[in-house]
N, C-alpha and C. Protein backbone atom coordinates (compact mmCIF):
# COMPACT_ATOMS: atom_id res chain seq x y z
N MET A 1 79.05 115.13 75.46
CA MET A 1 78.17 114.39 74.56
C MET A 1 78.52 112.92 74.65
N SER A 2 77.54 112.06 74.63
CA SER A 2 77.79 110.63 74.72
C SER A 2 78.30 110.09 73.39
N ALA A 3 78.87 108.90 73.46
CA ALA A 3 79.42 108.27 72.26
C ALA A 3 78.33 108.05 71.22
N LEU A 4 78.71 108.22 69.98
CA LEU A 4 77.75 108.03 68.89
C LEU A 4 77.65 106.55 68.57
N SER A 5 76.51 105.96 68.90
CA SER A 5 76.34 104.53 68.66
C SER A 5 75.06 104.20 67.91
N GLU A 6 74.17 105.16 67.78
CA GLU A 6 72.90 104.93 67.11
C GLU A 6 73.01 105.33 65.65
N ARG A 7 72.26 104.64 64.81
CA ARG A 7 72.30 104.89 63.37
C ARG A 7 70.93 105.30 62.88
N ILE A 8 70.90 106.25 61.96
CA ILE A 8 69.67 106.66 61.28
C ILE A 8 69.94 106.52 59.78
N ASN A 9 69.09 105.81 59.09
CA ASN A 9 69.23 105.65 57.65
C ASN A 9 68.13 106.42 56.95
N LEU A 10 68.47 107.05 55.84
CA LEU A 10 67.44 107.71 55.05
C LEU A 10 67.83 107.68 53.58
N ARG A 11 66.84 107.80 52.76
CA ARG A 11 67.04 107.81 51.31
C ARG A 11 66.54 109.14 50.76
N THR A 12 67.18 109.58 49.69
CA THR A 12 66.78 110.83 49.05
C THR A 12 67.09 110.73 47.57
N ASN A 13 66.74 111.75 46.82
CA ASN A 13 67.08 111.76 45.40
C ASN A 13 68.44 112.44 45.21
N ALA A 14 69.00 112.32 44.03
CA ALA A 14 70.34 112.85 43.75
C ALA A 14 70.40 114.36 43.90
N GLU A 15 69.35 115.05 43.50
CA GLU A 15 69.33 116.51 43.58
C GLU A 15 69.41 116.98 45.03
N THR A 16 68.63 116.36 45.90
CA THR A 16 68.63 116.73 47.31
C THR A 16 69.97 116.40 47.96
N LYS A 17 70.51 115.22 47.63
CA LYS A 17 71.81 114.84 48.20
C LYS A 17 72.88 115.84 47.78
N SER A 18 72.87 116.25 46.53
CA SER A 18 73.84 117.22 46.04
C SER A 18 73.71 118.55 46.78
N LEU A 19 72.49 119.01 46.96
CA LEU A 19 72.23 120.24 47.70
C LEU A 19 72.78 120.16 49.12
N LEU A 20 72.48 119.06 49.80
CA LEU A 20 72.93 118.88 51.17
C LEU A 20 74.45 118.76 51.26
N THR A 21 75.04 118.03 50.34
CA THR A 21 76.49 117.84 50.34
C THR A 21 77.21 119.17 50.10
N ARG A 22 76.72 119.95 49.16
CA ARG A 22 77.32 121.26 48.89
C ARG A 22 77.19 122.18 50.10
N SER A 23 76.02 122.18 50.71
CA SER A 23 75.80 123.01 51.89
C SER A 23 76.71 122.59 53.04
N ALA A 24 76.86 121.30 53.24
CA ALA A 24 77.74 120.79 54.29
C ALA A 24 79.17 121.22 54.05
N SER A 25 79.61 121.18 52.81
CA SER A 25 81.00 121.55 52.51
C SER A 25 81.23 123.04 52.78
N PHE A 26 80.25 123.88 52.54
CA PHE A 26 80.39 125.30 52.85
C PHE A 26 80.53 125.54 54.34
N ARG A 27 79.94 124.67 55.13
CA ARG A 27 80.03 124.79 56.59
C ARG A 27 81.25 124.06 57.14
N GLY A 28 81.98 123.35 56.26
CA GLY A 28 83.16 122.60 56.70
C GLY A 28 82.79 121.36 57.49
N LEU A 29 81.63 120.79 57.19
CA LEU A 29 81.14 119.61 57.91
C LEU A 29 80.98 118.44 56.96
N SER A 30 81.03 117.25 57.53
CA SER A 30 80.66 116.07 56.74
C SER A 30 79.15 116.13 56.52
N LEU A 31 78.69 115.39 55.55
CA LEU A 31 77.25 115.35 55.29
C LEU A 31 76.50 114.86 56.53
N SER A 32 77.02 113.83 57.17
CA SER A 32 76.37 113.29 58.38
C SER A 32 76.29 114.32 59.48
N ASN A 33 77.39 115.03 59.75
CA ASN A 33 77.37 116.04 60.80
C ASN A 33 76.46 117.21 60.45
N PHE A 34 76.44 117.57 59.18
CA PHE A 34 75.56 118.65 58.73
C PHE A 34 74.10 118.27 58.96
N LEU A 35 73.73 117.05 58.55
CA LEU A 35 72.35 116.60 58.72
C LEU A 35 71.98 116.49 60.19
N LEU A 36 72.90 115.99 61.00
CA LEU A 36 72.63 115.85 62.42
C LEU A 36 72.43 117.21 63.07
N GLU A 37 73.30 118.16 62.73
CA GLU A 37 73.19 119.51 63.28
C GLU A 37 71.86 120.15 62.88
N ALA A 38 71.50 120.03 61.62
CA ALA A 38 70.25 120.62 61.13
C ALA A 38 69.04 119.94 61.78
N ALA A 39 69.08 118.63 61.91
CA ALA A 39 67.96 117.90 62.51
C ALA A 39 67.80 118.25 63.98
N GLN A 40 68.92 118.37 64.69
CA GLN A 40 68.85 118.74 66.11
C GLN A 40 68.26 120.13 66.28
N ARG A 41 68.68 121.06 65.45
CA ARG A 41 68.17 122.43 65.53
C ARG A 41 66.66 122.44 65.27
N MET A 42 66.22 121.72 64.25
CA MET A 42 64.80 121.66 63.94
C MET A 42 64.01 120.98 65.07
N ALA A 43 64.55 119.91 65.62
CA ALA A 43 63.87 119.20 66.71
C ALA A 43 63.70 120.11 67.92
N GLN A 44 64.73 120.89 68.23
CA GLN A 44 64.63 121.82 69.36
C GLN A 44 63.56 122.87 69.11
N GLU A 45 63.46 123.35 67.88
CA GLU A 45 62.44 124.34 67.55
C GLU A 45 61.03 123.74 67.68
N VAL A 46 60.86 122.51 67.21
CA VAL A 46 59.56 121.85 67.30
C VAL A 46 59.16 121.69 68.76
N LEU A 47 60.09 121.19 69.58
CA LEU A 47 59.78 120.99 70.99
C LEU A 47 59.54 122.30 71.71
N LYS A 48 60.30 123.30 71.36
CA LYS A 48 60.11 124.63 71.97
C LYS A 48 58.69 125.11 71.70
N GLY A 49 58.21 124.90 70.50
CA GLY A 49 56.86 125.30 70.15
C GLY A 49 55.80 124.52 70.89
N GLN A 50 56.13 123.30 71.30
CA GLN A 50 55.17 122.47 72.01
C GLN A 50 55.24 122.64 73.52
N GLU A 51 56.41 123.05 74.01
CA GLU A 51 56.62 123.11 75.45
C GLU A 51 56.58 124.52 76.03
N GLN A 52 56.48 125.50 75.18
CA GLN A 52 56.52 126.89 75.63
C GLN A 52 55.23 127.59 75.23
N ILE A 53 54.66 128.32 76.15
CA ILE A 53 53.43 129.06 75.89
C ILE A 53 53.75 130.55 75.95
N LEU A 54 53.40 131.27 74.91
CA LEU A 54 53.59 132.71 74.90
C LEU A 54 52.26 133.39 75.15
N LEU A 55 52.25 134.31 76.11
CA LEU A 55 51.03 135.02 76.47
C LEU A 55 51.21 136.51 76.24
N SER A 56 50.11 137.15 75.89
CA SER A 56 50.13 138.62 75.83
C SER A 56 50.23 139.14 77.26
N GLN A 57 50.54 140.41 77.40
CA GLN A 57 50.63 141.01 78.73
C GLN A 57 49.30 140.86 79.47
N ARG A 58 48.19 141.10 78.77
CA ARG A 58 46.86 140.98 79.38
C ARG A 58 46.60 139.55 79.84
N ASP A 59 46.93 138.56 79.00
CA ASP A 59 46.71 137.17 79.36
C ASP A 59 47.62 136.74 80.50
N TRP A 60 48.88 137.23 80.50
CA TRP A 60 49.79 136.91 81.59
C TRP A 60 49.26 137.43 82.92
N GLU A 61 48.76 138.65 82.92
CA GLU A 61 48.22 139.24 84.15
C GLU A 61 47.01 138.44 84.65
N ARG A 62 46.16 138.03 83.72
CA ARG A 62 44.99 137.21 84.10
C ARG A 62 45.44 135.87 84.65
N PHE A 63 46.42 135.24 83.99
CA PHE A 63 46.96 133.96 84.44
C PHE A 63 47.54 134.08 85.85
N ALA A 64 48.31 135.15 86.10
CA ALA A 64 48.91 135.37 87.42
C ALA A 64 47.82 135.54 88.48
N LEU A 65 46.76 136.27 88.16
CA LEU A 65 45.65 136.43 89.11
C LEU A 65 45.00 135.10 89.44
N ILE A 66 44.82 134.27 88.43
CA ILE A 66 44.21 132.95 88.64
C ILE A 66 45.10 132.09 89.52
N LEU A 67 46.42 132.15 89.29
CA LEU A 67 47.34 131.37 90.13
C LEU A 67 47.29 131.82 91.58
N ASP A 68 47.13 133.11 91.79
CA ASP A 68 47.09 133.65 93.15
C ASP A 68 45.74 133.47 93.83
N ASP A 69 44.71 133.08 93.10
CA ASP A 69 43.37 132.90 93.63
C ASP A 69 43.35 131.66 94.52
N ASP A 70 43.01 131.85 95.80
CA ASP A 70 43.03 130.72 96.73
C ASP A 70 41.63 130.16 97.01
N SER A 71 40.68 130.49 96.15
CA SER A 71 39.33 129.95 96.36
C SER A 71 39.30 128.45 96.05
N VAL A 72 38.32 127.80 96.62
CA VAL A 72 38.17 126.35 96.46
C VAL A 72 37.68 126.04 95.05
N PRO A 73 38.24 125.02 94.40
CA PRO A 73 37.79 124.66 93.05
C PRO A 73 36.31 124.28 93.05
N ASN A 74 35.60 124.71 91.99
CA ASN A 74 34.19 124.34 91.88
C ASN A 74 34.08 122.87 91.47
N ALA A 75 32.86 122.34 91.45
CA ALA A 75 32.64 120.92 91.19
C ALA A 75 33.16 120.51 89.82
N LYS A 76 32.96 121.35 88.82
CA LYS A 76 33.40 121.03 87.46
C LYS A 76 34.92 120.93 87.38
N LEU A 77 35.61 121.86 88.02
CA LEU A 77 37.08 121.83 88.03
C LEU A 77 37.58 120.64 88.84
N GLN A 78 36.95 120.34 89.96
CA GLN A 78 37.34 119.20 90.78
C GLN A 78 37.19 117.90 89.99
N LYS A 79 36.10 117.79 89.24
CA LYS A 79 35.87 116.60 88.42
C LYS A 79 36.96 116.47 87.35
N ALA A 80 37.33 117.59 86.73
CA ALA A 80 38.39 117.58 85.70
C ALA A 80 39.73 117.18 86.31
N MET A 81 40.03 117.69 87.51
CA MET A 81 41.29 117.34 88.18
C MET A 81 41.32 115.85 88.52
N ASN A 82 40.21 115.31 89.00
CA ASN A 82 40.15 113.90 89.31
C ASN A 82 40.31 113.03 88.07
N LYS A 83 39.69 113.45 86.98
CA LYS A 83 39.80 112.72 85.72
C LYS A 83 41.26 112.73 85.23
N PHE A 84 41.91 113.89 85.33
CA PHE A 84 43.32 113.99 84.93
C PHE A 84 44.19 113.09 85.80
N LYS A 85 43.99 113.14 87.10
CA LYS A 85 44.78 112.30 88.01
C LYS A 85 44.62 110.82 87.70
N ALA A 86 43.40 110.42 87.32
CA ALA A 86 43.14 109.02 86.99
C ALA A 86 43.93 108.58 85.76
N THR A 87 44.13 109.50 84.82
CA THR A 87 44.88 109.15 83.61
C THR A 87 46.37 109.07 83.89
N GLN A 88 46.82 109.70 84.96
CA GLN A 88 48.25 109.70 85.30
C GLN A 88 48.66 108.51 86.16
N ALA A 89 47.71 107.80 86.69
CA ALA A 89 48.00 106.67 87.59
C ALA A 89 48.47 105.45 86.83
């Protein structure tokens, strides 16, 4: 892990701070480490939900068939691919 040099500031109410502090102490962590651990775990879950696609068995089989299809793209698909490529340039 790289050196900790970045700072994040946040404000909360006394009730929430007390809850977080008590929870951190049960885990044997400082409040900062507890918050960082919890935030990292949540961030990974959010990204996992955005970067991972779950398919049913039927949809997976259809997807695999489409990937294996070596037919030439139709005009509509070709236009979509060109439009996408233009946005990536």
